[in-house]
Protein backbone atom coordinates (compact mmCIF):
# COMPACT_ATOMS: atom_id res chain seq x y z
CA MET A 1 -24.00 3.92 3.31
CA SER A 2 -22.18 2.55 0.61
CA ASN A 3 -20.58 -1.14 0.44
CA TYR A 4 -17.38 -1.56 -0.16
CA GLY A 5 -17.18 -5.35 0.91
CA GLU A 6 -19.24 -7.06 -2.01
CA SER A 7 -15.91 -8.27 -3.71
CA GLY A 8 -13.81 -8.32 -1.05
CA ILE A 9 -10.84 -6.13 -0.37
CA ARG A 10 -7.83 -8.68 -0.58
CA LEU A 11 -4.09 -7.24 1.01
CA ARG A 12 -1.52 -7.21 -1.85
CA ARG A 13 1.83 -8.56 -0.69
CA LEU A 14 4.09 -6.41 -2.77
CA VAL A 15 7.52 -7.36 -3.36
CA ALA A 16 8.61 -3.55 -2.89
CA VAL A 17 7.76 -2.66 0.50
CA VAL A 18 7.25 1.25 2.03
CA GLY A 19 7.48 2.67 5.17
CA VAL A 20 6.57 6.43 4.00
CA ALA A 21 3.28 6.35 3.59
CA VAL A 22 1.02 8.24 6.63
CA VAL A 23 -1.88 9.26 4.87
CA PHE A 24 -0.66 7.76 1.33
CA ILE A 25 -4.04 6.12 -0.45
CA SER A 26 -4.14 2.90 -2.09
CA GLY A 27 -6.11 3.43 -5.50
CA CYS A 28 -5.44 -0.17 -6.70
CA SER A 29 -8.77 -1.84 -7.55
CA ARG A 30 -9.89 -4.42 -5.37
CA ALA A 31 -8.98 -8.28 -5.96
CA ASP A 32 -11.84 -10.48 -6.17
CA ARG A 33 -12.75 -12.82 -2.90
CA SER A 34 -13.79 -15.95 -2.53
CA ASP A 35 -11.80 -17.28 0.22
CA THR A 36 -13.53 -16.36 3.52
CA THR A 37 -12.68 -19.26 6.04
CA VAL A 38 -12.67 -18.93 9.39
CA ASP A 39 -10.71 -20.51 11.56
CA PRO A 40 -12.00 -22.72 13.97
CA PRO A 41 -11.94 -21.73 17.73
CA SER A 42 -8.70 -21.94 19.67
CA SER A 43 -10.66 -23.06 22.80
CA SER A 44 -12.82 -26.25 22.92
CA THR A 45 -14.83 -24.76 25.58
CA MET A 46 -16.22 -21.21 25.60
CA ALA A 47 -17.69 -19.55 29.05
CA ALA A 48 -17.35 -16.75 30.73
CA VAL A 49 -18.86 -15.69 34.29
CA ASP A 50 -20.41 -11.99 34.83
CA THR A 51 -18.62 -10.65 37.68
CA VAL A 52 -20.43 -7.36 37.98
CA PRO A 53 -23.45 -6.00 35.84
CA VAL A 54 -22.19 -4.04 32.29
CA ASP A 55 -23.49 -1.56 29.97
CA ALA A 56 -25.00 -3.64 27.00
CA SER A 57 -23.27 -1.25 24.42
CA PRO A 58 -19.47 -0.89 25.43
CA THR A 59 -18.00 2.46 23.48
CA VAL A 60 -14.92 4.55 23.74
CA THR A 61 -15.82 7.91 25.24
CA SER A 62 -13.86 11.03 25.73
CA ASP A 63 -16.25 13.05 28.46
CA GLY A 64 -13.30 13.76 30.66
CA THR A 65 -12.42 9.96 31.49
CA THR A 66 -10.24 9.23 28.76
CA PRO A 67 -8.72 11.71 26.10
CA ALA A 68 -9.77 9.75 22.92
CA GLY A 69 -11.32 11.46 20.20
CA THR A 70 -11.09 14.84 21.95
CA THR A 71 -8.26 16.04 19.30
CA PRO A 72 -9.35 14.96 15.95
CA GLU A 73 -6.00 14.08 13.87
CA SER A 74 -8.19 13.50 10.69
CA ASN A 75 -11.29 14.22 8.83
CA ALA A 76 -11.16 13.28 4.93
CA ALA A 77 -15.35 13.57 4.64
CA ASN A 78 -15.17 17.36 5.17
CA CYS A 79 -11.69 18.32 4.53
CA GLU A 80 -10.61 19.48 0.85
CA TYR A 81 -6.76 20.32 -0.89
CA VAL A 82 -7.58 22.53 -3.10
CA GLY A 83 -4.09 24.39 -3.73
CA THR A 84 -0.48 25.19 -2.27
CA ILE A 85 0.38 28.34 -0.26
CA ALA A 86 4.06 29.16 -0.37
CA ASP A 87 5.99 30.65 2.40
CA SER A 88 9.54 31.17 0.43
CA ASP A 89 13.00 31.75 1.62
CA VAL A 90 12.39 31.27 5.25
CA GLN A 91 15.75 31.35 7.60
CA TYR A 92 15.84 28.81 9.51
CA ALA A 93 19.34 29.41 10.56
CA ARG A 94 21.69 32.68 10.80
CA ILE A 95 25.45 32.40 10.65
CA ASP A 96 27.87 35.58 10.28
CA GLY A 97 29.02 35.41 6.75
CA VAL A 98 26.87 32.95 5.44
CA ARG A 99 24.42 33.94 2.59
CA PRO A 100 21.12 34.24 4.02
CA ASN A 101 19.89 31.61 0.92
CA LEU A 102 21.91 29.05 1.97
CA LEU A 103 20.27 28.57 5.05
CA SER A 104 16.99 28.92 4.04
CA LEU A 105 13.72 26.45 3.25
CA ASP A 106 10.82 26.73 0.94
CA VAL A 107 7.19 25.89 2.83
CA TYR A 108 4.55 24.40 0.62
CA GLU A 109 1.45 24.37 2.50
CA PRO A 110 -1.81 22.70 1.05
CA GLU A 111 -4.35 25.01 0.90
CA ARG A 112 -7.45 23.21 2.59
CA VAL A 113 -11.23 23.66 2.68
CA GLY A 114 -13.17 22.47 5.76
CA ASP A 115 -12.13 20.73 8.57
CA CYS A 116 -8.82 19.35 7.69
CA ALA A 117 -6.37 17.37 10.07
CA ASP A 118 -2.98 18.76 11.01
CA SER A 119 -0.82 17.58 7.98
CA PRO A 120 2.06 15.25 8.00
CA ILE A 121 5.45 16.82 6.62
CA MET A 122 7.56 15.86 4.33
CA ILE A 123 11.18 17.59 3.88
CA TYR A 124 13.28 17.35 0.66
CA VAL A 125 17.22 18.20 0.09
CA HIS A 126 18.27 18.58 -2.74
CA GLY A 127 21.63 17.31 -4.79
CA GLY A 128 24.50 18.33 -6.74
CA ALA A 129 27.44 16.74 -5.24
CA TRP A 130 27.49 18.52 -1.90
CA SER A 131 28.44 21.68 -4.43
CA ILE A 132 25.71 22.79 -6.25
CA GLY A 133 22.14 22.98 -6.40
CA ASN A 134 19.05 24.49 -4.76
CA LYS A 135 16.14 23.90 -3.25
CA ASN A 136 14.01 24.83 -6.51
CA HIS A 137 15.47 22.19 -7.88
CA ALA A 138 12.93 19.48 -9.68
CA VAL A 139 10.07 20.13 -7.01
CA GLU A 140 7.08 21.38 -8.89
CA ASP A 141 5.43 17.60 -9.44
CA LYS A 142 6.52 16.82 -6.03
CA ILE A 143 5.09 19.90 -4.34
CA SER A 144 1.72 19.02 -6.02
CA TRP A 145 1.80 15.26 -5.51
CA PHE A 146 2.59 15.89 -1.64
CA ASN A 147 0.15 18.68 -1.14
CA GLU A 148 -2.78 17.10 -2.87
CA ARG A 149 -2.35 14.27 -0.37
CA GLY A 150 -2.71 16.58 2.57
CA TRP A 151 1.28 17.18 3.31
CA VAL A 152 3.01 19.95 4.07
CA PHE A 153 6.23 19.63 1.67
CA VAL A 154 9.70 21.35 2.40
CA SER A 155 12.73 22.35 0.31
CA VAL A 156 16.10 23.31 2.24
CA ASN A 157 18.97 24.76 1.41
CA TYR A 158 22.55 23.95 2.93
CA ARG A 159 25.97 25.52 2.58
CA LEU A 160 27.54 23.99 0.09
CA SER A 161 31.56 22.70 -0.73
CA PRO A 162 33.58 24.93 -3.19
CA VAL A 163 32.43 23.90 -7.12
CA SER A 164 34.53 20.75 -8.45
CA LEU A 165 35.93 21.57 -11.61
CA GLY A 166 36.66 18.05 -12.58
CA LEU A 167 36.34 14.49 -11.28
CA GLY A 168 39.69 14.51 -9.84
CA PHE A 169 39.37 17.90 -8.07
CA VAL A 170 39.93 18.09 -4.60
CA ASP A 171 39.92 21.97 -2.87
CA LEU A 172 42.84 21.80 -0.72
CA ASP A 173 41.95 24.60 1.58
CA PRO A 174 41.25 22.98 5.20
CA ASP A 175 38.86 25.63 6.00
CA ARG A 176 36.10 24.42 3.15
CA ILE A 177 33.05 23.79 3.53
CA LYS A 178 32.65 20.19 4.12
CA PHE A 179 31.59 17.17 6.14
CA PRO A 180 29.57 17.36 8.79
CA ILE A 181 28.53 21.06 7.53
CA HIS A 182 26.30 19.79 4.87
CA ASN A 183 24.44 17.53 7.64
CA GLU A 184 24.46 19.62 10.31
CA ASP A 185 22.46 22.44 8.68
CA VAL A 186 20.08 19.97 7.08
CA ALA A 187 19.43 18.87 11.02
CA SER A 188 19.24 22.44 12.11
CA ALA A 189 16.14 22.72 9.47
CA VAL A 190 14.91 19.59 10.43
CA ALA A 191 14.69 20.83 14.01
CA TRP A 192 12.96 24.40 12.37
CA VAL A 193 10.39 22.63 10.81
CA HIS A 194 9.48 20.70 13.83
CA ASP A 195 9.49 23.75 16.13
CA HIS A 196 7.36 25.97 13.57
CA ALA A 197 4.99 22.56 12.24
CA GLY A 198 2.01 24.67 14.11
CA ASP A 199 2.69 28.10 11.61
CA TYR A 200 1.53 25.78 8.87
CA THR A 201 -1.26 23.32 10.26
CA ALA A 202 1.37 20.77 10.18
CA ASP A 203 2.09 17.75 12.77
CA PRO A 204 5.66 17.96 14.31
CA ASP A 205 5.10 14.09 15.60
CA VAL A 206 4.97 12.96 11.96
CA MET A 207 7.75 14.00 9.85
CA SER A 208 9.89 12.13 7.01
CA ILE A 209 12.98 13.07 4.95
CA MET A 210 13.51 12.24 1.35
CA GLY A 211 16.81 13.59 -0.64
CA HIS A 212 18.53 12.81 -4.33
CA SER A 213 22.10 12.08 -4.92
CA ALA A 214 23.91 14.52 -2.42
CA GLY A 215 20.82 14.94 -0.79
CA ALA A 216 19.91 11.56 -0.79
CA GLY A 217 23.32 11.11 1.40
CA ILE A 218 22.46 13.45 3.74
CA THR A 219 19.22 12.11 4.38
CA ALA A 220 20.41 8.81 5.06
CA ALA A 221 23.16 10.23 7.54
CA ILE A 222 20.58 12.54 9.12
CA ALA A 223 17.90 9.08 9.81
CA THR A 224 20.99 6.61 11.00
CA ASP A 225 23.37 9.43 12.90
CA GLU A 226 21.88 10.24 15.76
CA ARG A 227 23.94 12.76 16.74
CA TYR A 228 22.69 15.61 13.87
CA LEU A 229 19.25 16.10 15.82
CA SER A 230 20.30 15.40 19.38
CA ASP A 231 22.06 18.62 18.59
CA HIS A 232 18.64 19.82 18.55
CA GLY A 233 16.63 17.93 21.33
CA LEU A 234 15.46 15.52 18.85
CA GLY A 235 16.34 12.01 17.74
CA LEU A 236 16.06 9.18 15.11
CA GLY A 237 12.73 8.72 16.49
CA ASN A 238 11.47 12.19 15.58
CA LEU A 239 11.19 10.75 11.64
CA ARG A 240 9.01 8.60 10.25
CA CYS A 241 10.80 7.42 7.22
CA ALA A 242 13.53 8.12 5.20
CA VAL A 243 13.81 8.52 1.23
CA PRO A 244 17.39 8.23 -0.27
CA LEU A 245 17.11 8.64 -4.01
CA ASP A 246 19.82 7.14 -5.74
CA THR A 247 23.21 7.62 -4.05
CA ALA A 248 26.43 6.44 -3.49
CA ALA A 249 26.89 7.95 -0.22
CA PHE A 250 25.95 4.78 2.08
CA ASP A 251 29.64 4.16 2.37
CA VAL A 252 32.04 6.75 1.58
CA ARG A 253 34.99 5.03 2.20
CA GLU A 254 33.98 2.20 -0.43
CA ARG A 255 33.15 5.19 -3.09
CA ILE A 256 36.29 7.15 -2.64
CA GLU A 257 38.77 4.04 -2.83
CA GLU A 258 37.12 2.10 -5.82
CA SER A 259 35.54 5.06 -7.77
CA PHE A 260 36.54 7.64 -10.60
CA THR A 261 34.47 10.12 -8.92
CA ALA A 262 36.70 9.78 -5.80
CA GLY A 263 37.57 13.67 -5.77
CA LEU A 264 33.78 15.06 -5.38
CA TYR A 265 33.83 12.93 -2.76
CA GLN A 266 37.03 13.92 -1.18
CA ASN A 267 36.29 17.73 -2.05
CA ALA A 268 32.85 16.89 0.62
CA PHE A 269 34.67 14.77 2.78
CA GLY A 270 38.24 15.00 3.25
CA ASP A 271 40.97 12.54 3.09
CA GLU A 272 41.07 11.18 6.21
CA PRO A 273 39.57 7.57 6.18
CA ALA A 274 38.64 7.66 9.19
CA ILE A 275 36.46 10.74 8.48
CA TRP A 276 34.93 8.58 5.67
CA ASP A 277 34.01 6.05 7.70
CA GLU A 278 32.55 8.33 10.43
CA ALA A 279 30.60 10.17 7.48
CA SER A 280 29.33 6.43 6.19
CA PRO A 281 25.50 6.10 7.06
CA ILE A 282 25.60 2.18 6.98
CA ASN A 283 28.58 2.23 9.78
CA HIS A 284 25.82 3.72 11.94
CA VAL A 285 23.14 1.35 11.45
CA ALA A 286 22.44 -0.65 15.10
CA PRO A 287 19.38 -2.49 16.53
CA ASP A 288 17.49 -0.47 18.83
CA GLN A 289 18.18 3.48 17.95
CA SER A 290 14.78 4.00 16.73
CA ILE A 291 15.95 4.65 13.15
CA PRO A 292 12.81 5.30 11.20
CA ASP A 293 11.59 3.28 7.72
CA PHE A 294 13.59 3.50 4.81
CA PHE A 295 12.63 3.83 1.22
CA VAL A 296 15.90 3.07 -1.27
CA VAL A 297 15.68 3.48 -4.81
CA ALA A 298 19.06 2.37 -6.57
CA ARG A 299 20.08 2.34 -9.71
CA GLY A 300 23.07 2.57 -11.95
CA SER A 301 26.37 0.68 -11.91
CA ALA A 302 27.17 -2.78 -10.00
CA SER A 303 28.39 -1.35 -7.64
CA ARG A 304 26.25 1.83 -6.72
CA ILE A 305 23.32 -0.52 -6.58
CA ALA A 306 25.36 -2.87 -4.37
CA GLN A 307 25.68 -0.11 -2.03
CA GLY A 308 21.95 0.51 -1.97
CA GLU A 309 21.25 -3.36 -1.49
CA ASN A 310 24.23 -3.03 1.34
CA PHE A 311 22.64 -0.86 3.27
CA ALA A 312 19.25 -2.00 2.75
CA GLU A 313 20.46 -5.18 4.67
CA ALA A 314 22.01 -3.67 7.24
CA LEU A 315 18.74 -2.05 8.24
CA ARG A 316 16.81 -5.34 7.97
CA GLY A 317 19.44 -6.78 10.24
CA ALA A 318 18.13 -4.07 12.78
CA GLY A 319 15.01 -4.43 12.42
CA VAL A 320 14.22 -1.81 10.32
CA LEU A 321 11.52 -1.87 7.41
CA VAL A 322 13.14 -1.02 4.51
CA VAL A 323 12.48 -1.46 0.90
CA VAL A 324 14.56 -1.05 -2.32
CA VAL A 325 13.18 -0.57 -5.38
CA ARG A 326 15.38 -0.75 -8.77
CA ALA A 327 15.05 2.05 -11.31
CA ASP A 328 17.60 0.71 -13.90
CA GLU A 329 15.65 2.07 -16.47
CA LEU A 330 15.83 5.68 -14.88
CA SER A 331 18.81 7.98 -15.32
CA HIS A 332 20.24 9.55 -12.28
CA GLU A 333 18.53 12.61 -12.73
CA GLY A 334 15.23 10.78 -14.21
CA VAL A 335 14.86 9.29 -10.59
CA ASN A 336 14.26 12.60 -9.15
CA ASP A 337 12.12 13.69 -11.73
CA ALA A 338 9.89 10.61 -11.49
CA VAL A 339 9.08 11.41 -7.88
CA GLY A 340 5.49 12.49 -8.12
CA ARG A 341 5.23 12.66 -11.64
CA ALA A 342 1.84 11.81 -13.19
CA ASP A 343 3.30 9.42 -16.36
CA ASP A 344 5.80 7.92 -13.34
CA ASP A 345 4.86 4.19 -12.90
CA LEU A 346 8.12 3.02 -11.11
CA ILE A 347 8.70 5.24 -7.77
CA THR A 348 5.69 7.18 -7.46
CA PRO A 349 3.28 3.97 -7.85
CA ALA A 350 5.57 2.03 -5.08
CA LEU A 351 5.02 5.28 -2.40
CA GLU A 352 1.39 4.91 -2.71
CA GLU A 353 0.43 1.49 -3.21
CA SER A 354 1.65 -0.75 -0.98
CA ASP A 355 -0.51 -2.14 1.69
CA HIS A 356 2.29 -4.23 3.51
CA ALA A 357 3.68 -0.95 4.18
CA VAL A 358 0.15 0.02 5.41
CA VAL A 359 0.26 -2.76 8.00
CA ALA A 360 3.78 -2.17 9.07
CA ARG A 361 3.06 1.59 10.08
CA VAL A 362 -0.19 1.11 11.45
CA VAL A 363 0.47 -1.94 13.95
CA PRO A 364 1.71 -1.50 17.32
CA GLY A 365 4.97 -3.46 17.36
CA TRP A 366 5.63 -4.16 13.98
CA ARG A 367 9.44 -3.91 14.30
CA TYR A 368 9.55 -5.83 17.29
CA LEU A 369 7.95 -8.94 15.32
CA SER A 370 9.99 -11.89 14.07
CA PRO A 371 9.57 -12.35 10.23
CA SER A 372 7.21 -15.50 10.62
CA GLU A 373 5.40 -13.13 13.30
CA GLN A 374 4.99 -10.47 10.93
CA ASP A 375 3.70 -13.32 7.80
CA ILE A 376 1.08 -14.67 10.03
CA LEU A 377 -0.30 -11.10 11.18
CA LEU A 378 -0.54 -10.13 7.12
CA HIS A 379 -2.41 -13.56 6.62
CA HIS A 380 -4.64 -12.47 9.42
CA THR A 381 -5.00 -9.04 7.88
CA ASP A 382 -5.78 -10.26 4.38
CA ARG A 383 -8.48 -13.02 5.63
CA LEU A 384 -10.10 -10.39 7.80
CA LEU A 385 -10.30 -8.00 4.74
CA GLY A 386 -12.10 -10.83 2.78
CA THR A 387 -14.24 -11.77 5.94
CA PHE A 388 -15.78 -8.80 7.19
CA ARG A 389 -18.11 -6.40 5.19
CA TRP A 390 -17.38 -3.06 4.80
CA GLU A 391 -19.28 0.11 5.14
CA ALA A 392 -18.58 3.70 5.05
CA ALA A 393 -21.00 6.40 6.52
CA LYS A 394 -22.92 8.56 4.29
CA GLY A 395 -20.83 10.69 2.01
CA PHE A 396 -17.39 9.01 3.10
CA GLU A 397 -14.87 7.49 1.17
CA LEU A 398 -13.55 4.33 2.28
CA THR A 399 -10.40 3.06 0.37
CA ASP A 400 -8.63 -0.32 0.39
CA ALA A 401 -6.10 1.56 2.55
CA MET A 402 -8.25 2.43 5.31
CA CYS A 403 -9.59 -1.14 5.19
CA VAL A 404 -6.15 -2.41 5.82
CA HIS A 405 -5.51 -0.02 8.40
CA VAL A 406 -8.07 -1.33 10.17
CA ALA A 407 -7.82 -4.91 9.55
CA ALA A 408 -3.69 -4.78 10.35
CA GLN A 409 -4.66 -3.57 13.58
CA ALA A 410 -7.78 -5.65 14.27
CA ALA A 411 -5.57 -8.83 13.58
CA LEU A 412 -3.01 -8.19 16.15
CA PRO A 413 -5.17 -9.26 19.02
CA VAL A 414 -5.96 -12.57 17.56
CA MET A 415 -2.25 -13.21 16.00
CA SER A 416 -2.46 -15.97 18.15
CA ILE A 417 -5.65 -17.33 19.57
CA GLY A 418 -7.56 -17.46 16.35
CA ARG A 419 -9.69 -15.17 13.89
CA ASP A 420 -12.53 -17.31 15.58
CA PHE A 421 -12.54 -14.79 18.46
CA TYR A 422 -14.40 -12.37 15.59
CA ARG A 423 -17.19 -14.40 14.63
CA ARG A 424 -19.31 -12.02 16.32
CA VAL A 425 -18.45 -9.48 14.15
CA GLY A 426 -19.82 -8.96 10.17
CA THR A 427 -19.82 -5.62 9.05
CA VAL A 428 -17.15 -2.78 9.95
CA ILE A 429 -18.51 0.81 9.64
CA VAL A 430 -15.94 3.76 9.56
CA ARG A 431 -17.55 7.08 9.45
CA PRO A 432 -15.51 10.71 9.29
CA LYS A 433 -15.09 11.58 12.61
CA SER A 434 -16.12 11.23 16.02
CA VAL A 435 -19.72 11.97 17.57
CA ARG A 436 -21.24 13.91 19.65
CA ARG A 437 -24.28 12.04 21.84
CA THR A 438 -25.94 12.20 25.16
CA ARG A 439 -26.13 9.40 27.51
CA VAL A 440 -28.98 9.21 30.15
CA SER A 441 -28.38 7.27 33.54
CA ASP A 442 -29.40 6.64 36.61
CA GLY A 443 -28.43 9.25 39.36
CA PRO A 444 -27.25 9.02 42.97
CA VAL A 445 -31.37 9.18 44.48
CA PRO A 446 -34.03 6.58 43.01
CA GLY A 447 -36.31 8.05 40.44
CA VAL A 448 -33.59 10.37 39.01
CA VAL A 449 -31.93 10.43 35.98
CA GLU A 450 -28.54 12.36 34.97
CA GLU A 451 -27.92 13.28 31.14
CA SER A 452 -24.04 13.60 30.23
CA SER A 453 -22.77 14.21 26.83
CA MET A 454 -20.14 11.90 25.25
CA VAL A 455 -17.67 11.87 22.20
CA LEU A 456 -18.05 8.43 20.57
CA ALA A 457 -14.81 7.34 18.67
CA GLY A 458 -16.39 3.85 18.39
CA GLU A 459 -18.90 1.26 18.98
CA ALA A 460 -19.31 -2.57 19.24
CA ALA A 461 -22.81 -3.21 18.97
CA ASP A 462 -24.41 -6.20 21.12
CA GLY A 463 -25.16 -9.29 19.03
CA ASP A 464 -23.80 -9.79 15.89
CA GLY A 465 -24.00 -6.06 15.25
CA PRO A 466 -21.15 -3.88 13.50
CA VAL A 467 -18.22 -3.02 14.43
CA VAL A 468 -18.41 1.31 13.95
CA LEU A 469 -14.93 3.37 14.10
CA ALA A 470 -14.12 6.94 13.77
CA TRP A 471 -11.45 7.19 11.32
CA ASP A 472 -10.05 10.55 12.89
CA SER A 473 -9.83 8.76 16.19
CA VAL A 474 -8.31 5.77 14.25
CA VAL A 475 -5.63 8.20 12.95
CA SER A 476 -4.76 10.06 15.77
CA ASP A 477 -4.39 6.71 17.48
CA THR A 478 -1.96 5.25 15.13
CA ARG A 479 0.10 8.57 14.79
CA HIS A 480 0.28 8.61 18.82
CA PRO A 481 0.55 5.20 20.28
CA ALA A 482 2.63 6.15 23.42
CA ARG A 483 -1.02 7.48 24.25
CA ALA A 484 -1.58 3.70 25.13
CA LEU A 485 -5.11 4.31 23.18
CA ASN A 486 -6.10 2.47 19.77
CA VAL A 487 -9.46 2.41 19.01
CA VAL A 488 -9.61 -0.53 16.70
CA ILE A 489 -8.12 -2.70 18.98
CA HIS A 490 -9.86 -1.68 22.14
CA GLU A 491 -13.81 -2.07 20.12
CA PHE A 492 -12.62 -5.43 18.48
CA ALA A 493 -11.65 -6.53 22.13
CA HIS A 494 -14.99 -5.85 22.91
CA LYS A 495 -16.00 -8.28 20.52
CA ILE A 496 -13.79 -11.13 21.77
CA ASP A 497 -15.13 -10.71 25.00
CA LEU A 498 -18.67 -11.10 23.54
CA VAL A 499 -18.05 -14.46 21.79
CA ASP A 500 -19.95 -16.05 24.85
CA HIS A 501 -22.73 -13.56 24.12
CA ILE A 502 -21.94 -11.59 27.29
CA PHE A 503 -19.90 -8.24 27.71
CA ASP A 504 -18.60 -8.77 31.17
CA GLY A 505 -14.88 -8.43 30.30
CA THR A 506 -13.88 -12.09 30.90
CA PRO A 507 -13.21 -13.66 27.60
CA ALA A 508 -13.89 -17.46 26.75
CA PHE A 509 -11.37 -19.78 28.29
CA ALA A 510 -10.74 -23.29 27.42
CA ASP A 511 -9.11 -23.86 31.00
CA GLU A 512 -11.03 -23.41 33.70
CA GLU A 513 -8.62 -22.84 36.53
CA ALA A 514 -7.01 -19.61 34.28
CA ARG A 515 -10.38 -18.41 33.77
CA LEU A 516 -10.77 -18.26 37.42
CA ARG A 517 -7.45 -17.02 37.87
CA TRP A 518 -8.50 -14.01 35.33
CA ILE A 519 -11.41 -13.19 37.04
CA GLU A 520 -9.54 -12.32 40.40
CA VAL A 521 -6.62 -10.91 39.19
CA CYS A 522 -8.64 -8.65 37.01
CA ASN A 523 -11.45 -7.99 39.98
CA GLU A 524 -8.19 -6.86 42.12
CA ALA A 525 -6.72 -4.64 39.39
CA PHE A 526 -10.60 -3.36 38.69
CA ASP A 527 -10.93 -2.58 42.44
CA ARG A 528 -7.72 -1.01 42.79
CA LEU A 529 -8.17 1.34 39.88
CA ARG A 530 -11.72 2.27 40.91
CA SER A 531 -10.74 3.18 44.29
CA ALA A 532 -7.51 4.87 43.07
CA SER A 533 -5.47 2.59 45.91
CA GLY A 534 -2.59 2.20 44.00
CA PRO A 535 -1.19 3.16 40.82
CA SER A 536 -2.37 1.89 37.40
CA GLY A 537 -0.85 1.60 33.84
CA LEU A 538 -4.62 1.74 32.67
CA ASN A 539 -6.76 4.80 31.52
CA SER A 540 -9.46 5.85 34.17
CA TYR A 541 -11.82 4.94 31.74
CA ALA A 542 -11.24 1.09 32.70
CA ALA A 543 -12.81 1.67 35.63
CA THR A 544 -16.20 2.10 34.02
CA ASN A 545 -17.19 -1.51 34.18
CA PRO A 546 -15.47 -4.87 33.45
CA ALA A 547 -16.23 -4.79 29.88
CA GLU A 548 -14.59 -1.23 29.18
CA PHE A 549 -11.37 -2.85 31.83
CA PHE A 550 -11.00 -5.69 29.37
CA ALA A 551 -10.78 -3.41 26.30
CA VAL A 552 -8.60 -0.57 27.93
CA ALA A 553 -6.23 -3.40 29.38
CA THR A 554 -6.27 -5.06 25.56
CA GLU A 555 -5.49 -1.94 23.22
CA THR A 556 -2.57 -1.05 26.31
CA PHE A 557 -1.24 -4.23 26.25
CA PHE A 558 -0.65 -3.96 22.55
CA THR A 559 0.53 0.02 22.40
CA THR A 560 2.36 0.49 25.51
CA PRO A 561 3.35 -2.94 26.54
CA VAL A 562 6.39 -2.47 28.68
CA GLU A 563 4.70 -0.06 30.79
CA LEU A 564 2.14 -2.25 31.52
CA SER A 565 4.19 -4.60 32.43
CA GLU A 566 6.03 -2.67 35.15
CA THR A 567 2.76 -1.51 36.85
CA GLU A 568 0.28 -3.93 36.24
CA PRO A 569 2.35 -7.31 36.54
CA ASP A 570 -0.21 -9.66 37.50
CA LEU A 571 -2.53 -8.15 35.10
CA TYR A 572 0.23 -8.38 32.00
CA ARG A 573 0.62 -11.78 33.02
CA GLU A 574 -2.93 -13.09 32.27
CA LEU A 575 -3.03 -10.93 29.31
CA HIS A 576 0.27 -12.44 28.14
CA GLY A 577 -1.46 -15.77 29.10
CA PHE A 578 -4.61 -15.33 27.14
CA PHE A 579 -3.61 -14.03 24.00
CA ARG A 580 -0.40 -16.04 23.67
CA GLN A 581 1.91 -13.00 23.06
CA ASP A 582 4.84 -10.97 24.96
CA PRO A 583 4.98 -7.55 23.07
CA ALA A 584 6.78 -6.39 26.19
CA GLY A 585 9.46 -9.54 25.99
CA ARG A 586 9.60 -8.43 22.05
CA GLN A 587 10.61 -4.96 22.80
CA LEU A 588 12.96 -5.82 25.73
CA HIS A 589 14.81 -8.42 24.17
C-alpha cells in the first residue's frame, strides 16, 4: 500500500472558501506536520458494560438490511475520463414564434473508460447584457476542465432583450423580451437537465450553476428566488452551488439609479422601481431558504465590487457558505476567459484547492454550526489529518482532498467530547469501492453453519487496528445525507465504542448514573427495533447487535437529527448528552 501519512497532511485555512467542489481534487503539496498532540480524555473514568454479546469486527453491510454500498457512486481507481462527448443544440423548451436556438443547450459529457460514477453537473449561463451572446462563447477551457474532472458541463441559451445601440438606449416596446423571461428560460433549462441527467450518466442531485456578467445575474436570481425552479417542481435545494462571475446585477435598482450604464439595465428590466427590486437577488436572500453555496468573483469599479461584497454579506447573514474572490487584475471578459484555463492562477485554483470548502461541503449540518463551532471542527479536522496514518489500497490514488473529506466527517462526533476517543485509531485505509465477502455464521440448528454474502462499505478493526473505508460509499453517503447513512461516522463510532477495548454499544462515561441510563434507554430502543414493535428512526441494520446499534444511532444522530428526535426522543436525548451536541436544535432554531 502507498503511504500518504509519513509527512502528514495539514488542513489549509484559506481566506477564499468555495463550496462548489463535489469531486474537485486538491493538488497542493502536503505540509510538514510535527504537531500530533492528542487531547486528553474528556471523561475521568473509562468504563462500559457488555450488555449483549457482539461480533468481534463490526462492519457496515448491504446484505438486504441496509442500502449502504449497494449503489456505488464513485470508483476513482477503475475510472478514467479520456475525452468529451458533445450533444449540441438540444431543445429544452418549445415556444411558438421563438427561434429554437434560443431555447437550446449543449451538453458536454466526459467520455468514460471503466467503472465510473454518475457525474456531477455544471450548468453555464452566458453573458451579454441580456441582449447578445451565445452558449458557445468562452466555453472551450471550461468544458475541458470540468470533463477532465468527471463533470458533465452544460451551456445554455435563453431569449434575449432587443440589442441596445448605446448605453442610454431603452427599447420602449412594452412587449419586448425582458425580466423575468431570461430567468424563466434558464430555470426551464435547469429543470430539463435535472430530468434528463440519466441520459448523460449524470447525477441530478449534484447540480451547480455558473454564469458570467448578465448570466451571473441570472445565476444569482435562480439560486436565491425560489419561484423560478418551483415552477418546475424543483427548489433551491436542488442546486449545490452558484458561481456568479463578475456581475453588478445583485442590486438592479442601485445599478440603474447610480450607473451610467442604466440604459442597459432598463432595457432588460423595464423602468419600474418595484420591478427592479423584485429582480434583485439580494432582496431574496433569507435564512432557511435552502440557498446553495456561493462562489462570487468580483472586480471593476468600487460600486461594482461593493455590490458583490454586499451580496456576499447578505448570504453570510442567512447562513450560506460564500466566498468572494477579488479579480482586480482581470478585465470583465478576462474573468470569464480565466475559468478552466491552464495558466489561470486566481479563479480556477480557488475552485479546486480549498480544503475549508471540502469540510463545509461534506460535514452534515455544517451550515447550522455557529462560527465558533465551525472553527472548532476545522481545528479537529486539522489535528486528525496529522494524527492518523493515511494509506490507500494498492493501485488507488488517495489525494489530500479525500483525506480532508474523511477527517472532517470523523471530527464531527468528537467535536465536543475530544479526540482522545480516537486514541485507538492508528491508520485509515481507503479503498476504491465496496467489496463482497462471504460470512459464515451459526445456523438455527446446533452444529450447522450458514453462509451469506455481504457488501462491505467499511470496517473498524478490533484493538488498535485500522479503519477501512470504501471511497464509493463515502462519496455516496455525502451526496445523499437524507438516507441517514454515513460510513465514516459509522466506523469511527465503533472506535469511540472501543475505547474501553469492548465492542458493546456503550461508550465510556464519567458518570455512572448517565451510563446506566444510557444502557436502559438503548436496550429499550434496541429491543423495540428487533421486535419491530413500534416506529423507529433507525435503519434496520441497527438491530444486528448493540455495537451496530450504537454506530447506526450515531450516524443517524448527525445526518438526520430532526427525524431521530421525533421518532426516538429518549435515544436522541442520550446521544445529545453523550456527544454534547444538539444537531436537531441547531436546525430547528
